[in-house]
Amino acid sequence: EVQLQASGGGLVQAGGSLRLSCVAYGLIWDGYAIGWFRQAPGKEREAVACFSTGDDSTYYADSVKGRFTIARDNAKNTMHLQMNSLEPEDTAVYYCSAPTTVPPTCQAYNYDYWGQGTLVTVSS
């Protein structure tokens, strides 16, 4: 069974930083496009950042460019999201995910494996 677990969320003031982690079970990162997504209350799930299949090419949403950075460790089946200069608009449940086939774009509907997200709350 494929399972992905995100952790590291919490409450932080605007301008602060958080580092999220993701661990995958039943799936090997190597060769897969993996990424981070988030969903705020009343909003659709949106992409934050994604890796391209089989390499370290990356995509970042315009809203997080210059503030967030993704990294992966294929040997450990882990992934991280470093979030700096956080804003109240970043408040959401954050998820890590992987697709079953090569995704044409970094969008939630192209991804298949999900797990329990972690809540990030940024206060003003």
Protein backbone atom coordinates (compact mmCIF):
# COMPACT_ATOMS: atom_id res chain seq x y z
CA GLU A 1 0.00 0.00 0.00
CA VAL A 2 1.35 3.41 -0.96
CA GLN A 3 1.27 5.90 1.87
CA LEU A 4 2.73 9.39 2.14
CA GLN A 5 3.04 11.22 5.42
CA ALA A 6 3.70 14.94 5.75
CA SER A 7 4.84 16.55 8.99
CA GLY A 8 6.43 19.68 10.41
CA GLY A 9 3.53 22.10 10.29
CA GLY A 10 2.63 24.49 13.06
CA LEU A 11 1.84 28.05 14.03
CA VAL A 12 4.23 30.77 12.95
CA GLN A 13 4.14 34.55 12.69
CA ALA A 14 4.33 36.32 9.35
CA GLY A 15 7.92 36.52 8.17
CA GLY A 16 8.88 33.31 9.94
CA SER A 17 10.02 29.96 8.58
CA LEU A 18 9.02 26.30 8.71
CA ARG A 19 10.51 23.12 7.28
CA LEU A 20 8.08 20.40 6.22
CA SER A 21 9.02 16.76 5.72
CA CYS A 22 7.46 13.92 3.74
CA VAL A 23 8.10 10.18 4.01
CA ALA A 24 6.78 7.65 1.51
CA TYR A 25 6.02 3.97 2.08
CA GLY A 26 5.37 1.42 -0.65
CA LEU A 27 6.80 3.69 -3.34
CA ILE A 28 10.33 4.54 -4.44
CA TRP A 29 10.94 8.22 -5.16
CA ASP A 30 13.52 7.54 -7.85
CA GLY A 31 11.87 7.84 -11.25
CA TYR A 32 8.76 9.58 -9.94
CA ALA A 33 7.62 13.16 -10.19
CA ILE A 34 6.76 14.18 -6.64
CA GLY A 35 5.56 17.45 -5.20
CA TRP A 36 3.98 19.58 -2.53
CA PHE A 37 0.41 20.85 -2.61
CA ARG A 38 -1.76 22.84 -0.25
CA GLN A 39 -5.41 23.48 0.43
CA ALA A 40 -6.80 26.43 2.34
CA PRO A 41 -10.32 26.42 3.84
CA GLY A 42 -12.90 26.86 1.10
CA LYS A 43 -10.24 26.73 -1.61
CA GLU A 44 -9.24 24.15 -4.20
CA ARG A 45 -6.07 22.17 -3.71
CA GLU A 46 -3.22 23.91 -5.49
CA ALA A 47 0.36 23.12 -6.41
CA VAL A 48 3.21 24.58 -4.40
CA ALA A 49 6.24 22.92 -5.99
CA CYS A 50 7.00 19.78 -8.01
CA PHE A 51 9.93 17.72 -9.25
CA SER A 52 9.96 16.48 -12.82
CA THR A 53 10.01 12.72 -13.35
CA GLY A 54 13.37 11.09 -12.69
CA ASP A 55 15.45 14.21 -12.12
CA ASP A 56 15.78 17.34 -10.01
CA SER A 57 14.14 19.79 -12.39
CA THR A 58 11.66 21.84 -10.39
CA TYR A 59 8.54 23.91 -10.73
CA TYR A 60 7.37 26.54 -8.24
CA ALA A 61 4.06 28.31 -8.08
CA ASP A 62 4.37 32.03 -8.70
CA SER A 63 3.06 32.74 -5.22
CA VAL A 64 6.00 30.97 -3.53
CA LYS A 65 8.91 31.64 -5.88
CA GLY A 66 11.91 32.98 -4.02
CA ARG A 67 10.47 31.95 -0.66
CA PHE A 68 10.04 28.15 -0.78
CA THR A 69 12.57 25.47 -1.72
CA ILE A 70 12.04 21.74 -2.29
CA ALA A 71 14.61 18.98 -1.82
CA ARG A 72 14.56 15.18 -2.04
CA ASP A 73 16.54 12.17 -0.87
CA ASN A 74 15.74 9.19 -3.08
CA ALA A 75 17.67 6.74 -0.89
CA LYS A 76 15.54 7.64 2.12
CA ASN A 77 12.27 8.17 0.25
CA THR A 78 12.02 11.57 1.87
CA MET A 79 11.27 15.07 0.66
CA HIS A 80 11.37 18.48 2.32
CA LEU A 81 9.86 21.89 1.80
CA GLN A 82 11.70 24.83 3.29
CA MET A 83 9.32 27.77 3.68
CA ASN A 84 10.73 31.22 4.39
CA SER A 85 9.15 34.67 4.63
CA LEU A 86 5.78 33.10 5.37
CA GLU A 87 2.65 35.14 4.80
CA PRO A 88 -0.90 34.74 6.16
CA GLU A 89 -1.94 33.68 2.65
CA ASP A 90 0.27 30.59 3.06
CA THR A 91 -2.06 29.23 5.74
CA ALA A 92 -3.28 25.82 4.55
CA VAL A 93 -3.01 22.08 4.97
CA TYR A 94 0.10 20.97 3.09
CA TYR A 95 0.33 17.60 1.34
CA CYS A 96 3.04 15.70 -0.46
CA SER A 97 2.02 13.56 -3.42
CA ALA A 98 3.16 11.35 -6.29
CA PRO A 99 1.58 10.39 -9.62
CA THR A 100 1.09 6.96 -11.19
CA THR A 101 2.01 8.23 -14.66
CA VAL A 102 4.14 11.08 -15.95
CA PRO A 103 2.17 14.26 -15.19
CA PRO A 104 1.97 16.89 -17.94
CA THR A 105 1.80 19.69 -15.36
CA CYS A 106 2.28 20.28 -11.66
CA GLN A 107 -1.40 20.30 -10.76
CA ALA A 108 -3.24 18.31 -8.10
CA TYR A 109 -5.54 16.50 -10.53
CA ASN A 110 -2.51 14.91 -12.21
CA TYR A 111 -1.42 13.27 -8.94
CA ASP A 112 -2.72 10.06 -7.40
CA TYR A 113 -1.04 9.15 -4.11
CA TRP A 114 -1.93 11.23 -1.09
CA GLY A 115 -1.67 10.99 2.64
CA GLN A 116 -2.33 12.91 5.79
CA GLY A 117 -1.40 16.55 5.39
CA THR A 118 0.15 18.88 7.93
CA LEU A 119 -1.42 22.18 8.96
CA VAL A 120 0.51 25.42 8.58
CA THR A 121 -0.98 28.50 10.19
CA VAL A 122 0.62 31.90 9.64
CA SER A 123 -0.57 34.71 11.89
CA SER A 124 -0.42 38.40 11.04
